[in-house]
Amino acid sequence: MSEPVSPRVTMETDLLEVSRVLVRSWRRLLAGTLMGTLIGVVVVLVFPPRFDGRALVLIRTTQDPAAALASRAGPLAELAPSALGGSFKDELETELALLKSRAVAAAVVDSLRLQARMKSPARVAPLAYIDSVRTTGRFTPTTIVLTPGRNVVTGGAVWVRADAPATLRVKLVDRDDAIDDLIDHLDVKKQGGEVVRVAYEGRDSLSSAEVPNLAIATYLQRRRTVDRGINQRRFEFMSSASDSIARDLTAAVNRRRRIQDESGIPAMEPAVTALVEQVAELESKLGIQRAEEAALDSLLRVTVDPRQLATFPALLRSPLVNELVGQLAQLDLRRTTLVATVPATSPAVRALDASRDSIVVQLVPLARTYLRALATERRMLEQDLTVVRARLRALPGAGEALLLAESRLGKLAAIDNGMGAQVLQARLAALSEGGDVRLVDAAVPPRKVTFPRPLPTVAVAAVLGLLTALALVLLAPAPATRAGV
């Protein structure tokens, strides 16, 4: 009876057999390693280099306490009721869509000359040598050679700087293709809380950092100009009016001092104070009435967009105008969000434009009706002022002028104080209206290629080639042994 074979002996026998097979197949293993190394070299030489640039931007879309609590809750906000997390999520998604919109991408493409992709010299930003690219229409991407100065190309022209190399080899694409390519390589996603990460995979180190930074800067600029709300426009109007009142106040102070110096009268008798104050009050009301009437009339004459009438403070006091302005704001927000995903000529966008235009048309008749009311009230004030001035003709000229100057000074000071409070309120409302958006970390040009990196790529390819050859050797059927051996 034979003794049982120990598992250890069997394992040692199998390892010995595997070692013999590997030794006999060393040529295959070497060939696999060399093949993997060759593939790695081909990848390094053929695949275009990729540089990654990343920037962080803080987007606080609202000052609502529930939204602020949802932003601090992080992933738990997804499990919260819709009243807590839904509003914040929708507003943040709107801001992300605007940040990656074609309008922002087009501005970046035009600024960084991304229609031209540098071939020789490689890994150089187009902005380093190309001053301007002007093309129209769609055309097939083509590789061309450029020289310093103006170069006529398909669909337009390219201007190259005078200090550029004698010849530049670039691949030129049309503007729409360049915008699509930038959007494909631009990644905008929520990093955590209210911080958004903007990343771009570029073909050169400089552009990979400039694209996220310029996209964020363009987005912030649009928020400060095109996307301003009603409160921001009201603040600008009130600031302008406050400056005008301040100038009138300074002029009134100087006039009173000049009258006192010339006449030597420090103040008027109390007997005529009430009458002169009535004149000053009527003049103040009439001045404000005329200024408001002239401003509205000028706005109706020169404005191109009737929506600017909604920024007139007097009209904003009307409940009907406030309701129309609220509807316009909702339609503008829906249109901006929709244009970020579909073309502006789509039926959905046209429907929103038609709804917005039907509301805008109603603003002009309301403004003209209010202008006629202002004119009627102004004529009544002028008649009252004429009557009161006739009663003051018997007063001494110098004394009358002094008292009028003092009364006007007091009225302007009161108006200036009230105007300052209104400007402050409008400023606070404008600050809280659009949220808080600012750059946290700007992208910096990377020092190394993200992919393909020469040594790691070749090393990984060689190891994969060796492992593939090893698997083929071990899985291959064993050769048949000769009989009797």
Foldseek 3Di string as FASTA:
>chain_A
DDDDDDVVVVVVVVVVVLVVLCVVCVVLLVVLLVVLLVVLVCFVVPPFFKFKWKFKKFFFQFPDPLALVLLVVWPVSVVDDCVRNVVNVVRLVLLLLLLLFLVLLLVLCFVQVLQKQFDVVFQDGPNVWWDGDDFDDFDDWDKDKDAAAWAADPRGITHTHPPDPGITIITGGDSVVSSVVFSVQWDWDDPGRRMIMIMGIDSHLVSRQVSVVSSQVVSVVCCVPVVFALLVLLLVVLVVVLVVLVVVLVVLVVQLVVLCVVPVDPADDPVCLVLLLVLLVLVVVLVVLVVLLVVLVVCLVPPPQLVSLLSRVVQVVDPVSVVLSVVLSVLVSVLSSVCSPDPCPDPVNVVSVVVNVVSSVVSSVVSVVVSVVSVVVSVVSVVVSVVSVVVCPPPDPSNSSNSNSVSNSVVSVVVSVVSVVVSVVSVVCSDRNRTDMDTDGRIHRDPDGPPDDNPVSSVVSSVVSSVVSSVCSVPDDDDDDDPPD
